[in-house]
Amino acid sequence: MLSGFQIHIFALYLTLNTKLLSIEVLNISKYYQAQKALDKVSFSVNKGSITGFLGPNGAGKSTMMKILTCFLPQSEGTAKVCGFDIYENPFEVRKCVGYLPEHNPLYLDMYVKEYLSFAASVYKIKNVNQKVKEMIEITGLQIEQNKKIGALSKGYRQRVGLAQALIHNPEVLILDEPTTGLDPNQLIEIRNLIKELGKEKTVLFSTHILQEVKAVCDNIIIINKGKIVANSDAKTLQTSNKNQSILLLELEREISLQQLQEISGVIAVKNVGTRRWHIAFNKDKDIRQALMQLALSNSNTILSMKIEEDSLEEIFQKLTT
């Protein structure tokens, strides 16, 4: 039995932990008749972080985002956004969330400023003109602000969508494939914009561009067939998804294969060039100190020593095939 003091401390911990989380998902499932789109999905997103939500087509990404933004009801489970339950307080959730869906639903016959003014009026924002001007500056729409949305490029339409999602100054941004169909220059611009927004807001976004995730995200969640298969930062994901590691070693002078094989923890050694070696070793056994001692005892010098990592593409393929 817990004492009164222990119960008080536990309650305080839960309160503080909740304040540090912007999104909490617990055992969310979604059924479309006999098809299960989400299967007891659980994860959390820390306040003020950028999280990449990855998965192949049909994995359940868009379904999860629609549930978090209260556009789609869950079949089972619970979730909170900014401390508000998505089922009990959907209007409060919508107030604190900015949402850019995968297919950006814009009114193509409206002008940029006209559309943003309309979006601001929906949220009953005061000083609409000032707020629209602010959003245009933040999203870099100055040179296109007097055009019809239908005349804009894909990149600028995405900016309009982001401006609409930001117009009510939400605490959380949920972006579904915000860079789909963009050219390399537009992609970099939207990526930089997301990084800037992540300095002040919590961002959860899905993408198929894995290098984008590595460049932008603090954390990565991978979903496959409706289930979470990975949830960590990119560095941990790249180093923990295998039982062994590979080290690339370059020495100043030659050394024998046998000497390297005798180091504790070494699984295999392969010569890959003049005085260059690939060494496979147990990931729970760091062999770098032993290599330095071996080089020192042989009056040799280590020119470079680097542990190689799986690419995010390789990890994604392993987890989703």
C-alpha atoms as a PDB file:
ATOM      1  CA  MET A   1       0.000   0.000   0.000  1.00  0.00           C
ATOM      2  CA  LEU A   2       1.222   3.515  -0.826  1.00  0.00           C
ATOM      3  CA  SER A   3       1.440   6.028   2.007  1.00  0.00           C
ATOM      4  CA  GLY A   4      -0.350   9.382   1.759  1.00  0.00           C
ATOM      5  CA  PHE A   5       2.993  11.082   1.039  1.00  0.00           C
ATOM      6  CA  GLN A   6       3.827   8.615  -1.766  1.00  0.00           C
ATOM      7  CA  ILE A   7       0.408   9.144  -3.352  1.00  0.00           C
ATOM      8  CA  HIS A   8       0.940  12.917  -3.194  1.00  0.00           C
ATOM      9  CA  ILE A   9       4.357  12.616  -4.849  1.00  0.00           C
ATOM     10  CA  PHE A  10       2.975  10.304  -7.552  1.00  0.00           C
ATOM     11  CA  ALA A  11       0.113  12.718  -8.291  1.00  0.00           C
ATOM     12  CA  LEU A  12       2.605  15.599  -8.468  1.00  0.00           C
ATOM     13  CA  TYR A  13       4.757  13.587 -10.893  1.00  0.00           C
ATOM     14  CA  LEU A  14       1.754  12.901 -13.147  1.00  0.00           C
ATOM     15  CA  THR A  15       0.815  16.592 -13.109  1.00  0.00           C
ATOM     16  CA  LEU A  16       4.324  17.752 -14.011  1.00  0.00           C
ATOM     17  CA  ASN A  17       4.687  15.028 -16.663  1.00  0.00           C
ATOM     18  CA  THR A  18       1.373  16.070 -18.272  1.00  0.00           C
ATOM     19  CA  LYS A  19       2.563  19.676 -18.475  1.00  0.00           C
ATOM     20  CA  LEU A  20       5.663  18.507 -20.360  1.00  0.00           C
ATOM     21  CA  LEU A  21       3.605  16.645 -22.971  1.00  0.00           C
ATOM     22  CA  SER A  22       1.655  18.261 -25.798  1.00  0.00           C
ATOM     23  CA  ILE A  23       0.244  15.003 -27.212  1.00  0.00           C
ATOM     24  CA  GLU A  24      -0.586  11.799 -25.313  1.00  0.00           C
ATOM     25  CA  VAL A  25      -1.968   8.778 -27.175  1.00  0.00           C
ATOM     26  CA  LEU A  26      -2.996   5.627 -25.295  1.00  0.00           C
ATOM     27  CA  ASN A  27      -4.157   2.411 -27.006  1.00  0.00           C
ATOM     28  CA  ILE A  28      -5.910   4.132 -29.912  1.00  0.00           C
ATOM     29  CA  SER A  29      -7.536   1.734 -32.389  1.00  0.00           C
ATOM     30  CA  LYS A  30      -9.577   2.533 -35.486  1.00  0.00           C
ATOM     31  CA  TYR A  31     -11.732   0.116 -37.468  1.00  0.00           C
ATOM     32  CA  TYR A  32     -13.228   0.606 -40.905  1.00  0.00           C
ATOM     33  CA  GLN A  33     -15.754  -2.225 -40.718  1.00  0.00           C
ATOM     34  CA  ALA A  34     -13.550  -5.365 -40.727  1.00  0.00           C
ATOM     35  CA  GLN A  35     -10.329  -3.488 -41.526  1.00  0.00           C
ATOM     36  CA  LYS A  36      -8.164  -2.352 -38.614  1.00  0.00           C
ATOM     37  CA  ALA A  37      -6.370   0.891 -39.572  1.00  0.00           C
ATOM     38  CA  LEU A  38      -4.830   1.470 -36.116  1.00  0.00           C
ATOM     39  CA  ASP A  39      -4.065  -1.244 -33.574  1.00  0.00           C
ATOM     40  CA  LYS A  40      -3.645  -0.051 -29.950  1.00  0.00           C
ATOM     41  CA  VAL A  41      -1.316   2.818 -30.864  1.00  0.00           C
ATOM     42  CA  SER A  42       0.399   4.584 -27.955  1.00  0.00           C
ATOM     43  CA  PHE A  43       2.963   7.409 -28.004  1.00  0.00           C
ATOM     44  CA  SER A  44       3.601  10.882 -26.616  1.00  0.00           C
ATOM     45  CA  VAL A  45       5.096  14.079 -28.022  1.00  0.00           C
ATOM     46  CA  ASN A  46       7.064  16.399 -25.755  1.00  0.00           C
ATOM     47  CA  LYS A  47       6.198  20.058 -25.554  1.00  0.00           C
ATOM     48  CA  GLY A  48       8.321  22.230 -27.872  1.00  0.00           C
ATOM     49  CA  SER A  49       9.670  19.331 -29.980  1.00  0.00           C
ATOM     50  CA  ILE A  50       9.519  18.385 -33.670  1.00  0.00           C
ATOM     51  CA  THR A  51       8.442  14.771 -34.225  1.00  0.00           C
ATOM     52  CA  GLY A  52       8.474  12.944 -37.551  1.00  0.00           C
ATOM     53  CA  PHE A  53       5.637  10.451 -38.078  1.00  0.00           C
ATOM     54  CA  LEU A  54       6.754   7.918 -40.694  1.00  0.00           C
ATOM     55  CA  GLY A  55       5.277   4.887 -42.371  1.00  0.00           C
ATOM     56  CA  PRO A  56       4.496   3.383 -45.777  1.00  0.00           C
ATOM     57  CA  ASN A  57       1.277   4.228 -47.600  1.00  0.00           C
ATOM     58  CA  GLY A  58      -1.713   2.825 -45.738  1.00  0.00           C
ATOM     59  CA  ALA A  59       0.167   2.465 -42.441  1.00  0.00           C
ATOM     60  CA  GLY A  60      -2.302   4.660 -40.529  1.00  0.00           C
ATOM     61  CA  LYS A  61      -0.506   8.041 -40.401  1.00  0.00           C
ATOM     62  CA  SER A  62      -3.318  10.186 -41.805  1.00  0.00           C
ATOM     63  CA  THR A  63      -5.922   8.303 -39.770  1.00  0.00           C
ATOM     64  CA  MET A  64      -3.990   9.016 -36.558  1.00  0.00           C
ATOM     65  CA  MET A  65      -3.641  12.701 -37.426  1.00  0.00           C
ATOM     66  CA  LYS A  66      -7.356  13.029 -38.222  1.00  0.00           C
ATOM     67  CA  ILE A  67      -8.174  11.475 -34.838  1.00  0.00           C
ATOM     68  CA  LEU A  68      -5.836  13.866 -33.000  1.00  0.00           C
ATOM     69  CA  THR A  69      -7.434  16.852 -34.745  1.00  0.00           C
ATOM     70  CA  CYS A  70     -10.976  15.598 -33.949  1.00  0.00           C
ATOM     71  CA  PHE A  71     -11.957  15.133 -37.592  1.00  0.00           C
ATOM     72  CA  LEU A  72     -12.357  11.392 -37.102  1.00  0.00           C
ATOM     73  CA  PRO A  73     -13.509   9.473 -33.996  1.00  0.00           C
ATOM     74  CA  GLN A  74     -11.402   6.640 -32.632  1.00  0.00           C
ATOM     75  CA  SER A  75     -12.913   3.173 -32.180  1.00  0.00           C
ATOM     76  CA  GLU A  76     -11.010   2.479 -28.945  1.00  0.00           C
ATOM     77  CA  GLY A  77      -8.511   4.176 -26.662  1.00  0.00           C
ATOM     78  CA  THR A  78      -7.933   7.742 -25.516  1.00  0.00           C
ATOM     79  CA  ALA A  79      -5.779  10.718 -26.468  1.00  0.00           C
ATOM     80  CA  LYS A  80      -5.100  14.181 -25.113  1.00  0.00           C
ATOM     81  CA  VAL A  81      -3.796  17.272 -26.876  1.00  0.00           C
ATOM     82  CA  CYS A  82      -2.591  20.138 -24.653  1.00  0.00           C
ATOM     83  CA  GLY A  83      -4.223  18.300 -21.757  1.00  0.00           C
ATOM     84  CA  PHE A  84      -7.693  18.157 -23.385  1.00  0.00           C
ATOM     85  CA  ASP A  85      -9.335  14.835 -24.156  1.00  0.00           C
ATOM     86  CA  ILE A  86     -10.126  14.525 -27.881  1.00  0.00           C
ATOM     87  CA  TYR A  87     -13.516  12.907 -27.131  1.00  0.00           C
ATOM     88  CA  GLU A  88     -14.648  14.982 -24.153  1.00  0.00           C
ATOM     89  CA  ASN A  89     -13.257  18.389 -25.232  1.00  0.00           C
ATOM     90  CA  PRO A  90     -12.979  18.455 -29.052  1.00  0.00           C
ATOM     91  CA  PHE A  91     -13.567  22.219 -29.311  1.00  0.00           C
ATOM     92  CA  GLU A  92     -10.741  22.957 -26.855  1.00  0.00           C
ATOM     93  CA  VAL A  93      -8.455  20.610 -28.802  1.00  0.00           C
ATOM     94  CA  ARG A  94      -9.215  22.412 -32.072  1.00  0.00           C
ATOM     95  CA  LYS A  95      -8.405  25.757 -30.449  1.00  0.00           C
ATOM     96  CA  CYS A  96      -4.885  24.638 -29.557  1.00  0.00           C
ATOM     97  CA  VAL A  97      -4.125  22.728 -32.803  1.00  0.00           C
ATOM     98  CA  GLY A  98      -3.144  24.005 -36.243  1.00  0.00           C
ATOM     99  CA  TYR A  99      -3.773  21.347 -38.899  1.00  0.00           C
ATOM    100  CA  LEU A 100      -2.497  21.078 -42.467  1.00  0.00           C
ATOM    101  CA  PRO A 101      -4.051  17.968 -44.088  1.00  0.00           C
ATOM    102  CA  GLU A 102      -2.332  15.959 -46.813  1.00  0.00           C
ATOM    103  CA  HIS A 103      -4.595  17.365 -49.537  1.00  0.00           C
ATOM    104  CA  ASN A 104      -4.477  21.074 -48.741  1.00  0.00           C
ATOM    105  CA  PRO A 105      -8.165  22.174 -48.995  1.00  0.00           C
ATOM    106  CA  LEU A 106      -7.869  25.749 -50.282  1.00  0.00           C
ATOM    107  CA  TYR A 107     -10.456  27.945 -52.007  1.00  0.00           C
ATOM    108  CA  LEU A 108      -8.679  28.477 -55.326  1.00  0.00           C
ATOM    109  CA  ASP A 109     -10.872  31.414 -56.426  1.00  0.00           C
ATOM    110  CA  MET A 110     -10.074  33.431 -53.313  1.00  0.00           C
ATOM    111  CA  TYR A 111      -7.140  35.813 -52.999  1.00  0.00           C
ATOM    112  CA  VAL A 112      -4.430  34.985 -50.439  1.00  0.00           C
ATOM    113  CA  LYS A 113      -5.253  37.862 -48.093  1.00  0.00           C
ATOM    114  CA  GLU A 114      -8.980  37.271 -48.543  1.00  0.00           C
ATOM    115  CA  TYR A 115      -8.652  33.592 -47.635  1.00  0.00           C
ATOM    116  CA  LEU A 116      -6.518  34.258 -44.551  1.00  0.00           C
ATOM    117  CA  SER A 117      -8.961  36.954 -43.404  1.00  0.00           C
ATOM    118  CA  PHE A 118     -11.770  34.406 -43.767  1.00  0.00           C
ATOM    119  CA  ALA A 119      -9.779  31.837 -41.730  1.00  0.00           C
ATOM    120  CA  ALA A 120      -9.130  34.449 -39.019  1.00  0.00           C
ATOM    121  CA  SER A 121     -12.826  35.320 -38.839  1.00  0.00           C
ATOM    122  CA  VAL A 122     -13.697  31.640 -38.266  1.00  0.00           C
ATOM    123  CA  TYR A 123     -11.554  31.729 -35.113  1.00  0.00           C
ATOM    124  CA  LYS A 124     -13.110  35.104 -34.130  1.00  0.00           C
ATOM    125  CA  ILE A 125      -9.670  36.734 -34.063  1.00  0.00           C
ATOM    126  CA  LYS A 126      -9.483  40.435 -33.232  1.00  0.00           C
ATOM    127  CA  ASN A 127      -7.369  42.791 -35.391  1.00  0.00           C
ATOM    128  CA  VAL A 128      -7.767  40.523 -38.429  1.00  0.00           C
ATOM    129  CA  ASN A 129      -5.756  42.726 -40.811  1.00  0.00           C
ATOM    130  CA  GLN A 130      -2.784  42.825 -38.435  1.00  0.00           C
ATOM    131  CA  LYS A 131      -2.922  39.061 -37.893  1.00  0.00           C
ATOM    132  CA  VAL A 132      -3.084  38.351 -41.642  1.00  0.00           C
ATOM    133  CA  LYS A 133      -0.106  40.651 -42.236  1.00  0.00           C
ATOM    134  CA  GLU A 134       1.842  38.810 -39.522  1.00  0.00           C
ATOM    135  CA  MET A 135       1.093  35.374 -41.031  1.00  0.00           C
ATOM    136  CA  ILE A 136       2.092  36.560 -44.516  1.00  0.00           C
ATOM    137  CA  GLU A 137       5.469  37.702 -43.166  1.00  0.00           C
ATOM    138  CA  ILE A 138       6.080  34.522 -41.140  1.00  0.00           C
ATOM    139  CA  THR A 139       5.329  32.221 -44.094  1.00  0.00           C
ATOM    140  CA  GLY A 140       7.071  34.343 -46.740  1.00  0.00           C
ATOM    141  CA  LEU A 141       3.971  35.144 -48.808  1.00  0.00           C
ATOM    142  CA  GLN A 142       4.683  38.860 -49.285  1.00  0.00           C
ATOM    143  CA  ILE A 143       5.243  38.785 -53.053  1.00  0.00           C
ATOM    144  CA  GLU A 144       2.188  36.548 -53.641  1.00  0.00           C
ATOM    145  CA  GLN A 145      -0.286  38.053 -51.167  1.00  0.00           C
ATOM    146  CA  ASN A 146      -2.386  39.821 -53.817  1.00  0.00           C
ATOM    147  CA  LYS A 147      -2.740  36.796 -56.117  1.00  0.00           C
ATOM    148  CA  LYS A 148      -5.548  34.278 -56.366  1.00  0.00           C
ATOM    149  CA  ILE A 149      -4.650  30.994 -54.657  1.00  0.00           C
ATOM    150  CA  GLY A 150      -5.347  29.123 -57.899  1.00  0.00           C
ATOM    151  CA  ALA A 151      -2.508  31.057 -59.574  1.00  0.00           C
ATOM    152  CA  LEU A 152       0.097  30.028 -56.983  1.00  0.00           C
ATOM    153  CA  SER A 153       2.741  27.316 -57.289  1.00  0.00           C
ATOM    154  CA  LYS A 154       2.491  24.186 -55.136  1.00  0.00           C
ATOM    155  CA  GLY A 155       5.120  25.566 -52.755  1.00  0.00           C
ATOM    156  CA  TYR A 156       3.225  28.817 -52.176  1.00  0.00           C
ATOM    157  CA  ARG A 157      -0.069  26.964 -51.761  1.00  0.00           C
ATOM    158  CA  GLN A 158       1.590  24.972 -48.977  1.00  0.00           C
ATOM    159  CA  ARG A 159       2.659  28.263 -47.402  1.00  0.00           C
ATOM    160  CA  VAL A 160      -0.936  29.486 -47.532  1.00  0.00           C
ATOM    161  CA  GLY A 161      -2.012  26.246 -45.845  1.00  0.00           C
ATOM    162  CA  LEU A 162       0.607  26.744 -43.124  1.00  0.00           C
ATOM    163  CA  ALA A 163      -0.486  30.370 -42.641  1.00  0.00           C
ATOM    164  CA  GLN A 164      -4.091  29.165 -42.212  1.00  0.00           C
ATOM    165  CA  ALA A 165      -2.934  26.558 -39.671  1.00  0.00           C
ATOM    166  CA  LEU A 166      -1.025  29.231 -37.728  1.00  0.00           C
ATOM    167  CA  ILE A 167      -3.574  32.046 -37.888  1.00  0.00           C
ATOM    168  CA  HIS A 168      -4.986  31.382 -34.386  1.00  0.00           C
ATOM    169  CA  ASN A 169      -1.522  30.949 -32.807  1.00  0.00           C
ATOM    170  CA  PRO A 170      -1.920  27.260 -31.851  1.00  0.00           C
ATOM    171  CA  GLU A 171       0.379  25.508 -29.406  1.00  0.00           C
ATOM    172  CA  VAL A 172       0.533  22.346 -31.554  1.00  0.00           C
ATOM    173  CA  LEU A 173       1.009  22.001 -35.333  1.00  0.00           C
ATOM    174  CA  ILE A 174      -0.033  18.759 -37.049  1.00  0.00           C
ATOM    175  CA  LEU A 175       1.187  18.635 -40.656  1.00  0.00           C
ATOM    176  CA  ASP A 176       0.303  15.715 -42.943  1.00  0.00           C
ATOM    177  CA  GLU A 177       2.848  15.377 -45.794  1.00  0.00           C
ATOM    178  CA  PRO A 178       3.612  19.147 -45.940  1.00  0.00           C
ATOM    179  CA  THR A 179       6.408  18.721 -48.526  1.00  0.00           C
ATOM    180  CA  THR A 180       4.712  16.345 -50.992  1.00  0.00           C
ATOM    181  CA  GLY A 181       5.129  17.456 -54.612  1.00  0.00           C
ATOM    182  CA  LEU A 182       7.582  20.266 -53.911  1.00  0.00           C
ATOM    183  CA  ASP A 183      10.714  20.876 -55.956  1.00  0.00           C
ATOM    184  CA  PRO A 184      14.115  20.822 -54.120  1.00  0.00           C
ATOM    185  CA  ASN A 185      14.149  24.592 -53.536  1.00  0.00           C
ATOM    186  CA  GLN A 186      10.581  24.660 -52.242  1.00  0.00           C
ATOM    187  CA  LEU A 187      11.319  21.641 -50.054  1.00  0.00           C
ATOM    188  CA  ILE A 188      14.253  23.410 -48.393  1.00  0.00           C
ATOM    189  CA  GLU A 189      12.125  26.539 -47.832  1.00  0.00           C
ATOM    190  CA  ILE A 190       9.291  24.599 -46.154  1.00  0.00           C
ATOM    191  CA  ARG A 191      11.820  22.560 -44.136  1.00  0.00           C
ATOM    192  CA  ASN A 192      13.435  25.748 -42.815  1.00  0.00           C
ATOM    193  CA  LEU A 193      10.020  27.173 -42.016  1.00  0.00           C
ATOM    194  CA  ILE A 194       9.090  24.052 -40.004  1.00  0.00           C
ATOM    195  CA  LYS A 195      12.394  24.291 -38.095  1.00  0.00           C
ATOM    196  CA  GLU A 196      11.653  27.913 -37.224  1.00  0.00           C
ATOM    197  CA  LEU A 197       8.121  27.088 -36.118  1.00  0.00           C
ATOM    198  CA  GLY A 198       9.506  24.253 -33.970  1.00  0.00           C
ATOM    199  CA  LYS A 199      11.390  26.783 -31.830  1.00  0.00           C
ATOM    200  CA  GLU A 200       8.107  27.999 -30.349  1.00  0.00           C
ATOM    201  CA  LYS A 201       5.560  25.259 -31.033  1.00  0.00           C
ATOM    202  CA  THR A 202       5.156  21.489 -30.840  1.00  0.00           C
ATOM    203  CA  VAL A 203       5.214  20.026 -34.359  1.00  0.00           C
ATOM    204  CA  LEU A 204       4.064  16.548 -35.453  1.00  0.00           C
ATOM    205  CA  PHE A 205       4.455  15.971 -39.181  1.00  0.00           C
ATOM    206  CA  SER A 206       4.442  13.047 -41.570  1.00  0.00           C
ATOM    207  CA  THR A 207       6.684  12.695 -44.611  1.00  0.00           C
ATOM    208  CA  HIS A 208       8.158  10.122 -46.977  1.00  0.00           C
ATOM    209  CA  ILE A 209      11.441  12.051 -47.296  1.00  0.00           C
ATOM    210  CA  LEU A 210      13.664  10.418 -44.690  1.00  0.00           C
ATOM    211  CA  GLN A 211      16.582  12.838 -45.011  1.00  0.00           C
ATOM    212  CA  GLU A 212      14.099  15.573 -44.180  1.00  0.00           C
ATOM    213  CA  VAL A 213      13.332  13.822 -40.907  1.00  0.00           C
ATOM    214  CA  LYS A 214      17.010  13.582 -39.986  1.00  0.00           C
ATOM    215  CA  ALA A 215      17.517  17.281 -40.749  1.00  0.00           C
ATOM    216  CA  VAL A 216      14.477  18.572 -38.856  1.00  0.00           C
ATOM    217  CA  CYS A 217      13.188  16.172 -36.194  1.00  0.00           C
ATOM    218  CA  ASP A 218      14.028  15.726 -32.518  1.00  0.00           C
ATOM    219  CA  ASN A 219      12.201  12.400 -32.457  1.00  0.00           C
ATOM    220  CA  ILE A 220      10.986   9.790 -34.963  1.00  0.00           C
ATOM    221  CA  ILE A 221       7.913   7.551 -34.730  1.00  0.00           C
ATOM    222  CA  ILE A 222       7.547   4.782 -37.333  1.00  0.00           C
ATOM    223  CA  ILE A 223       4.177   3.104 -37.847  1.00  0.00           C
ATOM    224  CA  ASN A 224       3.562  -0.006 -39.946  1.00  0.00           C
ATOM    225  CA  LYS A 225       0.246  -1.797 -40.535  1.00  0.00           C
ATOM    226  CA  GLY A 226      -1.387   0.259 -37.791  1.00  0.00           C
ATOM    227  CA  LYS A 227       1.232  -0.481 -35.110  1.00  0.00           C
ATOM    228  CA  ILE A 228       4.161   1.576 -33.753  1.00  0.00           C
ATOM    229  CA  VAL A 229       7.417  -0.215 -34.645  1.00  0.00           C
ATOM    230  CA  ALA A 230       9.921   2.443 -33.552  1.00  0.00           C
ATOM    231  CA  ASN A 231       9.911   5.541 -31.342  1.00  0.00           C
ATOM    232  CA  SER A 232      13.215   7.304 -30.611  1.00  0.00           C
ATOM    233  CA  ASP A 233      15.598   9.981 -31.825  1.00  0.00           C
ATOM    234  CA  ALA A 234      17.413   9.383 -35.124  1.00  0.00           C
ATOM    235  CA  LYS A 235      20.809   8.695 -33.512  1.00  0.00           C
ATOM    236  CA  THR A 236      19.429   6.017 -31.183  1.00  0.00           C
ATOM    237  CA  LEU A 237      17.411   4.481 -33.997  1.00  0.00           C
ATOM    238  CA  GLN A 238      20.486   4.190 -36.206  1.00  0.00           C
ATOM    239  CA  THR A 239      22.678   2.586 -33.552  1.00  0.00           C
ATOM    240  CA  SER A 240      20.213   0.345 -31.680  1.00  0.00           C
ATOM    241  CA  ASN A 241      18.482  -1.467 -34.515  1.00  0.00           C
ATOM    242  CA  LYS A 242      21.082  -4.231 -34.858  1.00  0.00           C
ATOM    243  CA  ASN A 243      23.036  -6.668 -32.684  1.00  0.00           C
ATOM    244  CA  GLN A 244      26.429  -5.669 -34.000  1.00  0.00           C
ATOM    245  CA  SER A 245      28.217  -2.513 -35.100  1.00  0.00           C
ATOM    246  CA  ILE A 246      30.762  -1.863 -37.824  1.00  0.00           C
ATOM    247  CA  LEU A 247      33.885   0.195 -37.199  1.00  0.00           C
ATOM    248  CA  LEU A 248      36.036   1.613 -39.996  1.00  0.00           C
ATOM    249  CA  LEU A 249      39.684   1.783 -38.881  1.00  0.00           C
ATOM    250  CA  GLU A 250      42.590   3.442 -40.700  1.00  0.00           C
ATOM    251  CA  LEU A 251      46.157   3.053 -39.389  1.00  0.00           C
ATOM    252  CA  GLU A 252      49.452   4.729 -40.234  1.00  0.00           C
ATOM    253  CA  ARG A 253      51.242   1.388 -40.633  1.00  0.00           C
ATOM    254  CA  GLU A 254      50.247  -2.200 -41.361  1.00  0.00           C
ATOM    255  CA  ILE A 255      48.926  -4.488 -38.637  1.00  0.00           C
ATOM    256  CA  SER A 256      48.156  -8.197 -38.734  1.00  0.00           C
ATOM    257  CA  LEU A 257      44.646  -9.550 -39.182  1.00  0.00           C
ATOM    258  CA  GLN A 258      45.169 -11.917 -36.236  1.00  0.00           C
ATOM    259  CA  GLN A 259      45.919  -9.074 -33.809  1.00  0.00           C
ATOM    260  CA  LEU A 260      42.619  -7.397 -34.629  1.00  0.00           C
ATOM    261  CA  GLN A 261      40.671 -10.666 -34.424  1.00  0.00           C
ATOM    262  CA  GLU A 262      41.982 -11.367 -30.921  1.00  0.00           C
ATOM    263  CA  ILE A 263      40.379  -8.239 -29.437  1.00  0.00           C
ATOM    264  CA  SER A 264      37.506  -9.151 -27.101  1.00  0.00           C
ATOM    265  CA  GLY A 265      34.107  -8.481 -28.700  1.00  0.00           C
ATOM    266  CA  VAL A 266      35.331  -8.577 -32.311  1.00  0.00           C
ATOM    267  CA  ILE A 267      33.136 -10.762 -34.562  1.00  0.00           C
ATOM    268  CA  ALA A 268      34.814 -10.349 -37.961  1.00  0.00           C
ATOM    269  CA  VAL A 269      37.602  -8.340 -39.586  1.00  0.00           C
ATOM    270  CA  LYS A 270      37.964  -7.428 -43.261  1.00  0.00           C
ATOM    271  CA  ASN A 271      40.730  -5.527 -45.003  1.00  0.00           C
ATOM    272  CA  VAL A 272      39.172  -2.866 -47.283  1.00  0.00           C
ATOM    273  CA  GLY A 273      42.290  -1.060 -48.503  1.00  0.00           C
ATOM    274  CA  THR A 274      45.831  -0.115 -47.605  1.00  0.00           C
ATOM    275  CA  ARG A 275      45.940  -0.098 -43.785  1.00  0.00           C
ATOM    276  CA  ARG A 276      42.120   0.213 -43.694  1.00  0.00           C
ATOM    277  CA  TRP A 277      39.866  -2.308 -41.921  1.00  0.00           C
ATOM    278  CA  HIS A 278      36.187  -3.009 -41.411  1.00  0.00           C
ATOM    279  CA  ILE A 279      35.691  -4.509 -37.947  1.00  0.00           C
ATOM    280  CA  ALA A 280      32.352  -6.021 -36.894  1.00  0.00           C
ATOM    281  CA  PHE A 281      31.857  -6.188 -33.113  1.00  0.00           C
ATOM    282  CA  ASN A 282      29.136  -6.748 -30.504  1.00  0.00           C
ATOM    283  CA  LYS A 283      27.312  -3.450 -30.043  1.00  0.00           C
ATOM    284  CA  ASP A 284      27.383  -3.827 -26.242  1.00  0.00           C
ATOM    285  CA  LYS A 285      31.197  -4.087 -26.296  1.00  0.00           C
ATOM    286  CA  ASP A 286      33.063  -0.854 -27.150  1.00  0.00           C
ATOM    287  CA  ILE A 287      36.383  -1.920 -28.711  1.00  0.00           C
ATOM    288  CA  ARG A 288      37.829   1.538 -29.352  1.00  0.00           C
ATOM    289  CA  GLN A 289      39.961   1.655 -26.202  1.00  0.00           C
ATOM    290  CA  ALA A 290      41.380  -1.797 -26.965  1.00  0.00           C
ATOM    291  CA  LEU A 291      42.259  -0.640 -30.500  1.00  0.00           C
ATOM    292  CA  MET A 292      44.091   2.391 -29.133  1.00  0.00           C
ATOM    293  CA  GLN A 293      46.057   0.202 -26.714  1.00  0.00           C
ATOM    294  CA  LEU A 294      46.909  -2.216 -29.547  1.00  0.00           C
ATOM    295  CA  ALA A 295      48.150   0.616 -31.752  1.00  0.00           C
ATOM    296  CA  LEU A 296      50.196   2.068 -28.901  1.00  0.00           C
ATOM    297  CA  SER A 297      51.835  -1.288 -28.063  1.00  0.00           C
ATOM    298  CA  ASN A 298      52.817  -1.673 -31.744  1.00  0.00           C
ATOM    299  CA  SER A 299      54.126   1.915 -32.043  1.00  0.00           C
ATOM    300  CA  ASN A 300      51.363   2.496 -34.597  1.00  0.00           C
ATOM    301  CA  THR A 301      49.060   5.507 -35.045  1.00  0.00           C
ATOM    302  CA  ILE A 302      45.306   5.515 -35.610  1.00  0.00           C
ATOM    303  CA  LEU A 303      44.552   7.967 -38.435  1.00  0.00           C
ATOM    304  CA  SER A 304      40.769   7.585 -38.218  1.00  0.00           C
ATOM    305  CA  MET A 305      38.238   5.448 -36.374  1.00  0.00           C
ATOM    306  CA  LYS A 306      34.507   5.717 -37.057  1.00  0.00           C
ATOM    307  CA  ILE A 307      31.504   3.577 -36.187  1.00  0.00           C
ATOM    308  CA  GLU A 308      29.285   3.246 -39.244  1.00  0.00           C
ATOM    309  CA  GLU A 309      25.513   3.530 -38.905  1.00  0.00           C
ATOM    310  CA  ASP A 310      22.608   2.195 -40.913  1.00  0.00           C
ATOM    311  CA  SER A 311      20.937   4.889 -42.994  1.00  0.00           C
ATOM    312  CA  LEU A 312      17.394   5.870 -42.077  1.00  0.00           C
ATOM    313  CA  GLU A 313      16.294   4.372 -45.399  1.00  0.00           C
ATOM    314  CA  GLU A 314      17.757   0.972 -44.430  1.00  0.00           C
ATOM    315  CA  ILE A 315      16.154   1.102 -40.981  1.00  0.00           C
ATOM    316  CA  PHE A 316      12.792   2.152 -42.424  1.00  0.00           C
ATOM    317  CA  GLN A 317      12.908  -0.723 -44.912  1.00  0.00           C
ATOM    318  CA  LYS A 318      13.779  -3.279 -42.204  1.00  0.00           C
ATOM    319  CA  LEU A 319      10.954  -2.126 -39.945  1.00  0.00           C
ATOM    320  CA  THR A 320       8.226  -1.857 -42.582  1.00  0.00           C
ATOM    321  CA  THR A 321       8.804  -4.881 -44.862  1.00  0.00           C
END
